[in-house]
Amino acid sequence: MLTRTPPAATLHGSQSEAQRLRDPRLDFFRGLALFIILIAHVPFDEWALFIPARFGFSDATEIFVFLSGMASALAFGRLFDRHGLLMVSARIGFRIWQIYWAHIGLFVATAALMVVSGTRPDGNSYVTALNLEPFFQDPANLLPRLMLLSYVPNFFDILPMYMVLLALIPVMLSAERLHATLPFLLMGGLWLATQSGATHLPAEPWSSRPWFFNPFGWQLLFFAGFYLKRRPLAALPAGRGPVLLSLAVLLLAVPFSWHPLLERYPALQASADALLPLTDKTAFGILRFVHFLALAYLATRLVGNRGERLGGFLADLLQKVGKQSLAVFVFSMFLAQIMGVALDLTDRGLIATLAINLAGFAALVLSADIAAWFKATPWKQG
């Protein structure tokens, strides 16, 4: 008698294989970045005074972009190796299509939330606080620009950058086929062009303001993660020297980043201003890259070569969130505005801030559970 493999067993086998291939560090740190990004986007949240961005040049955005590059190497690099340029381009095009509509949906949902929320305690409307007044004053002009990504308000700037980064993957993989070093030359050339201001993308029609995150600058970090995963290092540099050097980089950045020091010592503020071309977030200044590499090195040493020190409830929770990064990120941006409105309805005291932030964390975890449930397509398991 012929026997059939039960669908559940087949699914379990494929999941087990995927789990063996998956690096736990990728999901752990991506989950951590998502929690930090949530706090960073809650308007006037006191907890944002303690996120990494307040003490150095790089922040959770660097973590997210770098790890997205690594995840893309796993998802698209292997597809390119197996099936070639046409298939990987089609797969990336479909992913960009998904992210595009997530971006449009996020804008519409958040704009509606701001309208419904009415007026802030300071007398300004929530629409004004998020700088969406131009859209509501002239929707006939700005709606087509929103769809064409030539109107990109500051709060809605990460997903457009990510779409361009994904679109560059077939370019880099094609260059790799021509010569192994060509992608790195392209990465360096695009980054240098961005530092000179040659690659700015318009963010609004009434000013010269560019996209807040210039993808042609940030691609340097994205593809650093992409090729570090595609061509892994045999081992991290060992010994005390690299550790001490990385610690020195992080500590030296604090006086030029921590606002209490900058406010107290005008000379430090003047020095921080002089460093702005090197720490610029829009073009991805080089000191942001150096700072992130130092932080990434220490974090990797801390969790172990393959993440063997990651364990326990907290690590599992962060990995759960990190596995559903796109869905959780989009939800977190909407959730951050809900949390901001909720804080405005309180005295913003210690207890209220604690309760609302913890509730936000719980909602983030719940969104990861829901996304995982839908991805598992339980209705197909019979």
Protein backbone atom coordinates (compact mmCIF):
# COMPACT_ATOMS: atom_id res chain seq x y z
CA MET A 1 0.00 0.00 0.00
CA LEU A 2 1.25 3.45 -0.87
CA THR A 3 1.64 5.81 2.10
CA ARG A 4 1.52 9.57 2.11
CA THR A 5 3.69 11.81 4.23
CA PRO A 6 1.34 13.70 6.54
CA PRO A 7 1.25 17.40 5.76
CA ALA A 8 2.08 18.25 9.35
CA ALA A 9 5.22 16.14 9.20
CA THR A 10 6.29 17.73 5.96
CA LEU A 11 5.75 21.17 7.46
CA HIS A 12 7.64 20.20 10.58
CA GLY A 13 10.57 18.97 8.52
CA SER A 14 10.81 22.15 6.49
CA GLN A 15 10.59 24.26 9.64
CA SER A 16 13.34 22.22 11.29
CA GLU A 17 15.61 22.72 8.30
CA ALA A 18 14.94 26.45 8.28
CA GLN A 19 15.64 26.61 12.00
CA ARG A 20 19.03 24.94 11.56
CA LEU A 21 19.96 27.45 8.87
CA ARG A 22 18.78 30.47 10.86
CA ASP A 23 21.30 32.40 12.93
CA PRO A 24 19.75 33.12 16.38
CA ARG A 25 21.82 36.30 16.69
CA LEU A 26 20.07 37.81 13.67
CA ASP A 27 16.59 37.46 15.16
CA PHE A 28 17.73 38.37 18.69
CA PHE A 29 19.32 41.69 17.76
CA ARG A 30 16.63 42.52 15.21
CA GLY A 31 14.01 41.99 17.91
CA LEU A 32 15.99 44.20 20.28
CA ALA A 33 16.19 46.91 17.61
CA LEU A 34 12.42 46.79 17.11
CA PHE A 35 11.76 47.46 20.79
CA ILE A 36 14.20 50.38 20.71
CA ILE A 37 12.64 51.74 17.50
CA LEU A 38 9.22 51.65 19.15
CA ILE A 39 10.41 53.74 22.11
CA ALA A 40 12.30 56.13 19.81
CA HIS A 41 9.10 56.91 17.87
CA VAL A 42 6.74 57.48 20.80
CA PRO A 43 6.35 61.27 20.99
CA PHE A 44 7.99 62.74 24.10
CA ASP A 45 8.52 59.36 25.79
CA GLU A 46 10.89 59.74 28.74
CA TRP A 47 12.25 56.27 28.07
CA ALA A 48 13.72 57.56 24.83
CA LEU A 49 16.33 59.42 26.91
CA PHE A 50 18.00 56.06 27.57
CA ILE A 51 18.12 54.44 24.13
CA PRO A 52 21.57 53.86 22.54
CA ALA A 53 21.20 56.83 20.16
CA ARG A 54 21.56 59.20 23.13
CA PHE A 55 25.06 57.92 23.88
CA GLY A 56 26.66 57.40 20.47
CA PHE A 57 26.61 58.11 16.77
CA SER A 58 24.73 54.99 15.63
CA ASP A 59 21.35 53.76 16.84
CA ALA A 60 18.74 51.05 16.34
CA THR A 61 18.32 52.03 12.68
CA GLU A 62 21.84 50.81 11.98
CA ILE A 63 21.12 47.53 13.74
CA PHE A 64 17.94 47.02 11.74
CA VAL A 65 19.45 47.91 8.34
CA PHE A 66 22.61 45.83 8.85
CA LEU A 67 20.65 42.77 9.96
CA SER A 68 18.16 43.25 7.12
CA GLY A 69 21.14 43.02 4.78
CA MET A 70 22.18 39.75 6.42
CA ALA A 71 18.65 38.36 6.22
CA SER A 72 18.45 39.38 2.56
CA ALA A 73 21.63 37.44 1.83
CA LEU A 74 19.97 34.32 3.22
CA ALA A 75 16.68 34.90 1.40
CA PHE A 76 17.82 36.30 -1.95
CA GLY A 77 21.49 35.39 -2.28
CA ARG A 78 20.76 31.67 -2.21
CA LEU A 79 17.86 32.11 -4.62
CA PHE A 80 20.20 33.91 -7.02
CA ASP A 81 22.75 31.10 -6.77
CA ARG A 82 20.12 28.44 -7.47
CA HIS A 83 17.86 30.09 -10.04
CA GLY A 84 19.62 33.16 -11.41
CA LEU A 85 18.93 36.84 -11.88
CA LEU A 86 15.42 36.71 -13.36
CA MET A 87 13.95 34.67 -10.53
CA VAL A 88 15.61 36.66 -7.74
CA SER A 89 14.51 39.92 -9.40
CA ALA A 90 10.93 38.66 -9.53
CA ARG A 91 11.04 37.60 -5.88
CA ILE A 92 12.49 40.95 -4.81
CA GLY A 93 9.96 42.80 -6.94
CA PHE A 94 7.16 40.98 -5.14
CA ARG A 95 8.72 41.87 -1.75
CA ILE A 96 9.00 45.52 -2.75
CA TRP A 97 5.35 45.41 -3.82
CA GLN A 98 4.39 44.17 -0.36
CA ILE A 99 6.48 46.81 1.41
CA TYR A 100 5.13 49.56 -0.85
CA TRP A 101 1.54 48.84 0.15
CA ALA A 102 2.58 48.46 3.78
CA HIS A 103 4.05 51.97 3.51
CA ILE A 104 0.88 53.41 1.94
CA GLY A 105 -1.33 51.62 4.47
CA LEU A 106 0.77 52.84 7.38
CA PHE A 107 0.52 56.43 6.17
CA VAL A 108 -3.27 56.27 5.72
CA ALA A 109 -3.85 54.54 9.07
CA THR A 110 -1.59 56.94 10.98
CA ALA A 111 -3.06 60.02 9.29
CA ALA A 112 -6.57 58.82 10.20
CA LEU A 113 -5.45 58.23 13.79
CA MET A 114 -4.07 61.75 14.02
CA VAL A 115 -7.36 63.22 12.76
CA VAL A 116 -9.45 61.17 15.20
CA SER A 117 -7.14 62.02 18.12
CA GLY A 118 -7.93 65.71 17.81
CA THR A 119 -5.86 68.17 19.82
CA ARG A 120 -2.82 67.70 22.01
CA PRO A 121 -2.68 69.12 25.56
CA ASP A 122 -0.43 71.93 24.28
CA GLY A 123 -3.20 73.15 21.96
CA ASN A 124 -1.70 71.86 18.70
CA SER A 125 -3.54 69.26 16.71
CA TYR A 126 -2.00 65.82 16.32
CA VAL A 127 -2.02 66.40 12.57
CA THR A 128 0.21 69.45 13.09
CA ALA A 129 2.44 67.61 15.56
CA LEU A 130 3.23 64.96 12.93
CA ASN A 131 3.63 67.64 10.22
CA LEU A 132 0.78 66.27 8.13
CA GLU A 133 -0.98 69.61 7.66
CA PRO A 134 0.36 70.06 4.10
CA PHE A 135 -1.24 66.76 3.07
CA PHE A 136 -4.67 67.69 4.41
CA GLN A 137 -4.43 71.19 2.93
CA ASP A 138 -3.66 69.91 -0.58
CA PRO A 139 -4.46 66.17 -0.86
CA ALA A 140 -5.14 66.37 -4.60
CA ASN A 141 -1.51 67.35 -5.20
CA LEU A 142 0.20 65.31 -2.50
CA LEU A 143 -1.69 62.02 -2.82
CA PRO A 144 -0.16 61.21 -6.24
CA ARG A 145 3.24 62.28 -4.89
CA LEU A 146 2.74 59.99 -1.91
CA MET A 147 2.08 57.10 -4.28
CA LEU A 148 5.18 58.00 -6.34
CA LEU A 149 7.34 58.35 -3.19
CA SER A 150 8.18 61.98 -3.96
CA TYR A 151 6.24 63.02 -0.86
CA VAL A 152 7.84 61.22 2.09
CA PRO A 153 7.09 62.77 5.51
CA ASN A 154 9.82 62.26 8.10
CA PHE A 155 7.92 59.72 10.20
CA PHE A 156 7.35 57.53 7.13
CA ASP A 157 10.87 57.40 5.72
CA ILE A 158 12.31 53.99 6.61
CA LEU A 159 10.23 51.75 4.32
CA PRO A 160 10.93 53.82 1.16
CA MET A 161 14.65 53.52 1.93
CA TYR A 162 14.28 49.77 2.39
CA MET A 163 12.53 49.41 -0.98
CA VAL A 164 15.47 51.04 -2.77
CA LEU A 165 17.95 48.86 -0.86
CA LEU A 166 16.11 45.74 -1.99
CA ALA A 167 16.03 47.01 -5.57
CA LEU A 168 19.84 47.32 -5.49
CA ILE A 169 20.33 43.62 -4.64
CA PRO A 170 20.04 42.35 -8.26
CA VAL A 171 22.48 45.09 -9.31
CA MET A 172 25.04 43.99 -6.74
CA LEU A 173 24.58 40.29 -7.48
CA SER A 174 24.98 40.93 -11.21
CA ALA A 175 28.16 42.91 -10.49
CA GLU A 176 29.38 40.02 -8.35
CA ARG A 177 29.05 37.69 -11.35
CA LEU A 178 31.34 39.99 -13.35
CA HIS A 179 34.00 40.30 -10.63
CA ALA A 180 34.07 39.50 -6.93
CA THR A 181 35.27 42.98 -5.96
CA LEU A 182 32.89 44.96 -8.19
CA PRO A 183 30.01 45.12 -5.66
CA PHE A 184 32.35 46.70 -3.11
CA LEU A 185 33.47 49.30 -5.64
CA LEU A 186 29.82 50.10 -6.35
CA MET A 187 29.07 50.33 -2.63
CA GLY A 188 31.94 52.76 -2.10
CA GLY A 189 31.10 54.80 -5.20
CA LEU A 190 27.43 55.22 -4.26
CA TRP A 191 28.34 56.15 -0.70
CA LEU A 192 30.89 58.76 -1.85
CA ALA A 193 28.37 60.22 -4.30
CA THR A 194 25.90 60.55 -1.45
CA GLN A 195 28.41 62.40 0.74
CA SER A 196 28.79 64.97 -2.04
CA GLY A 197 25.02 65.48 -2.24
CA ALA A 198 24.67 63.97 -5.69
CA THR A 199 22.04 61.35 -4.85
CA HIS A 200 19.44 63.26 -2.83
CA LEU A 201 15.84 62.20 -3.43
CA PRO A 202 13.08 64.86 -3.03
CA ALA A 203 10.84 64.38 0.01
CA GLU A 204 8.36 67.23 -0.60
CA PRO A 205 7.54 69.58 -3.50
CA TRP A 206 7.59 72.87 -1.56
CA SER A 207 11.20 72.65 -0.33
CA SER A 208 14.57 71.11 -1.12
CA ARG A 209 14.33 68.66 1.80
CA PRO A 210 15.54 65.21 0.73
CA TRP A 211 14.50 61.80 2.03
CA PHE A 212 15.64 61.65 5.65
CA PHE A 213 17.33 58.28 4.99
CA ASN A 214 19.23 58.43 1.71
CA PRO A 215 19.28 54.81 0.50
CA PHE A 216 22.43 55.36 -1.57
CA GLY A 217 24.33 56.22 1.59
CA TRP A 218 22.73 53.57 3.78
CA GLN A 219 23.36 50.84 1.20
CA LEU A 220 26.94 50.76 2.49
CA LEU A 221 25.70 49.34 5.79
CA PHE A 222 23.03 47.14 4.22
CA PHE A 223 25.44 45.46 1.83
CA ALA A 224 28.12 45.21 4.52
CA GLY A 225 25.66 42.93 6.32
CA PHE A 226 24.65 41.27 3.06
CA TYR A 227 28.19 40.29 2.08
CA LEU A 228 29.29 39.49 5.61
CA LYS A 229 26.58 36.85 5.60
CA ARG A 230 27.21 35.79 1.99
CA ARG A 231 30.97 35.51 2.56
CA PRO A 232 31.30 34.89 6.30
CA LEU A 233 34.51 35.59 8.16
CA ALA A 234 36.29 32.50 9.38
CA ALA A 235 36.42 34.03 12.87
CA LEU A 236 36.20 37.38 14.56
CA PRO A 237 39.49 39.07 15.50
CA ALA A 238 40.37 37.71 18.92
CA GLY A 239 42.31 39.08 21.86
CA ARG A 240 42.07 42.13 24.08
CA GLY A 241 43.19 44.59 21.41
CA PRO A 242 40.00 44.63 19.29
CA VAL A 243 37.85 44.68 22.44
CA LEU A 244 39.70 47.66 23.91
CA LEU A 245 39.67 49.49 20.58
CA SER A 246 35.90 48.96 20.22
CA LEU A 247 35.31 50.13 23.79
CA ALA A 248 37.41 53.23 23.11
CA VAL A 249 35.33 54.07 20.03
CA LEU A 250 32.08 53.79 22.01
CA LEU A 251 33.36 55.80 24.97
CA LEU A 252 34.86 58.56 22.82
CA ALA A 253 31.50 59.03 21.09
CA VAL A 254 29.63 59.74 24.34
CA PRO A 255 30.87 63.34 24.93
CA PHE A 256 29.77 64.31 21.41
CA SER A 257 26.35 62.63 21.65
CA TRP A 258 25.00 62.90 25.20
CA HIS A 259 22.87 66.04 25.42
CA PRO A 260 23.45 66.86 29.13
CA LEU A 261 27.17 67.17 28.38
CA LEU A 262 26.59 69.12 25.17
CA GLU A 263 24.32 71.59 26.97
CA ARG A 264 26.77 72.09 29.82
CA TYR A 265 29.95 72.48 27.76
CA PRO A 266 29.67 74.75 24.68
CA ALA A 267 33.07 73.55 23.41
CA LEU A 268 31.74 70.00 23.16
CA GLN A 269 28.66 71.24 21.32
CA ALA A 270 30.87 73.14 18.87
CA SER A 271 32.95 69.98 18.33
CA ALA A 272 29.80 67.89 17.80
CA ASP A 273 28.60 70.45 15.23
CA ALA A 274 31.96 70.26 13.45
CA LEU A 275 31.59 66.46 13.27
CA LEU A 276 28.12 66.61 11.70
CA PRO A 277 29.31 65.79 8.16
CA LEU A 278 30.80 62.60 9.60
CA THR A 279 27.82 61.73 11.80
CA ASP A 280 25.04 62.82 9.47
CA LYS A 281 22.12 60.40 9.59
CA THR A 282 20.67 61.24 6.19
CA ALA A 283 23.80 60.47 4.17
CA PHE A 284 25.09 57.88 6.67
CA GLY A 285 28.28 59.60 7.83
CA ILE A 286 31.36 57.45 8.24
CA LEU A 287 31.56 57.84 12.02
CA ARG A 288 28.15 56.21 12.30
CA PHE A 289 29.57 53.21 10.44
CA VAL A 290 32.68 53.06 12.65
CA HIS A 291 30.59 53.38 15.82
CA PHE A 292 28.20 50.65 14.69
CA LEU A 293 31.03 48.24 13.79
CA ALA A 294 32.54 48.70 17.25
CA LEU A 295 29.18 48.06 18.89
CA ALA A 296 28.46 45.06 16.66
CA TYR A 297 31.86 43.53 17.41
CA LEU A 298 31.37 43.78 21.17
CA ALA A 299 27.79 42.49 20.97
CA THR A 300 28.90 39.51 18.88
CA ARG A 301 31.68 38.68 21.32
CA LEU A 302 29.21 39.00 24.20
CA VAL A 303 26.64 36.51 22.85
CA GLY A 304 29.17 34.01 21.55
CA ASN A 305 30.42 32.97 18.13
CA ARG A 306 27.13 31.39 17.05
CA GLY A 307 24.93 32.94 19.71
CA GLU A 308 25.48 30.04 22.07
CA ARG A 309 25.07 32.34 25.08
CA LEU A 310 21.58 33.35 23.98
CA GLY A 311 19.03 31.55 26.08
CA GLY A 312 16.17 32.07 28.47
CA PHE A 313 12.81 33.75 28.30
CA LEU A 314 14.00 37.21 27.28
CA ALA A 315 16.22 35.92 24.46
CA ASP A 316 13.40 33.72 23.15
CA LEU A 317 10.98 36.64 23.25
CA LEU A 318 13.34 38.91 21.31
CA GLN A 319 13.95 36.23 18.71
CA LYS A 320 10.21 35.72 18.31
CA VAL A 321 9.77 39.42 17.57
CA GLY A 322 12.84 39.55 15.32
CA LYS A 323 11.54 36.73 13.11
CA GLN A 324 8.51 38.83 12.14
CA SER A 325 10.47 42.03 11.56
CA LEU A 326 8.49 43.67 8.75
CA ALA A 327 5.03 43.08 10.23
CA VAL A 328 6.20 44.12 13.70
CA PHE A 329 7.97 47.22 12.41
CA VAL A 330 4.93 48.48 10.49
CA PHE A 331 2.68 47.85 13.48
CA SER A 332 5.17 49.50 15.84
CA MET A 333 5.11 52.77 13.92
CA PHE A 334 1.32 52.95 14.26
CA LEU A 335 1.49 51.74 17.86
CA ALA A 336 4.01 54.45 18.76
CA GLN A 337 1.48 57.15 17.90
CA ILE A 338 -1.24 55.40 19.94
CA MET A 339 1.15 55.30 22.89
CA GLY A 340 1.92 59.00 22.42
CA VAL A 341 -1.78 59.86 22.54
CA ALA A 342 -2.22 57.63 25.61
CA LEU A 343 0.65 59.41 27.39
CA ASP A 344 -0.96 62.76 26.62
CA LEU A 345 -4.09 61.59 28.43
CA THR A 346 -2.06 61.02 31.62
CA ASP A 347 0.20 63.16 33.77
CA ARG A 348 3.22 61.45 32.11
CA GLY A 349 4.33 60.42 35.56
CA LEU A 350 6.54 57.46 36.38
CA ILE A 351 3.70 54.94 36.81
CA ALA A 352 1.77 56.05 33.73
CA THR A 353 4.88 56.00 31.54
CA LEU A 354 5.86 52.57 32.86
CA ALA A 355 2.38 51.12 32.27
CA ILE A 356 2.00 52.50 28.74
CA ASN A 357 5.48 51.41 27.63
CA LEU A 358 5.02 47.91 29.04
CA ALA A 359 1.61 47.69 27.38
CA GLY A 360 3.29 48.74 24.12
CA PHE A 361 5.91 46.01 24.53
CA ALA A 362 3.18 43.44 25.12
CA ALA A 363 1.33 44.62 22.01
CA LEU A 364 4.54 44.28 20.00
CA VAL A 365 4.98 40.67 21.14
CA LEU A 366 1.32 39.94 20.38
CA SER A 367 1.74 41.35 16.87
CA ALA A 368 4.68 38.96 16.34
CA ASP A 369 2.55 36.02 17.50
CA ILE A 370 -0.27 36.98 15.15
CA ALA A 371 2.11 37.44 12.20
CA ALA A 372 3.70 34.05 12.91
CA TRP A 373 0.27 32.40 13.07
CA PHE A 374 -0.71 33.78 9.67
CA LYS A 375 2.66 32.86 8.15
CA ALA A 376 2.21 29.28 9.32
CA THR A 377 -1.02 29.07 7.21
CA PRO A 378 -2.74 26.78 9.73
CA TRP A 379 -5.76 26.50 7.44
CA LYS A 380 -3.61 24.38 5.06
CA GLN A 381 -2.66 21.77 7.66
CA GLY A 382 -5.87 19.77 7.38
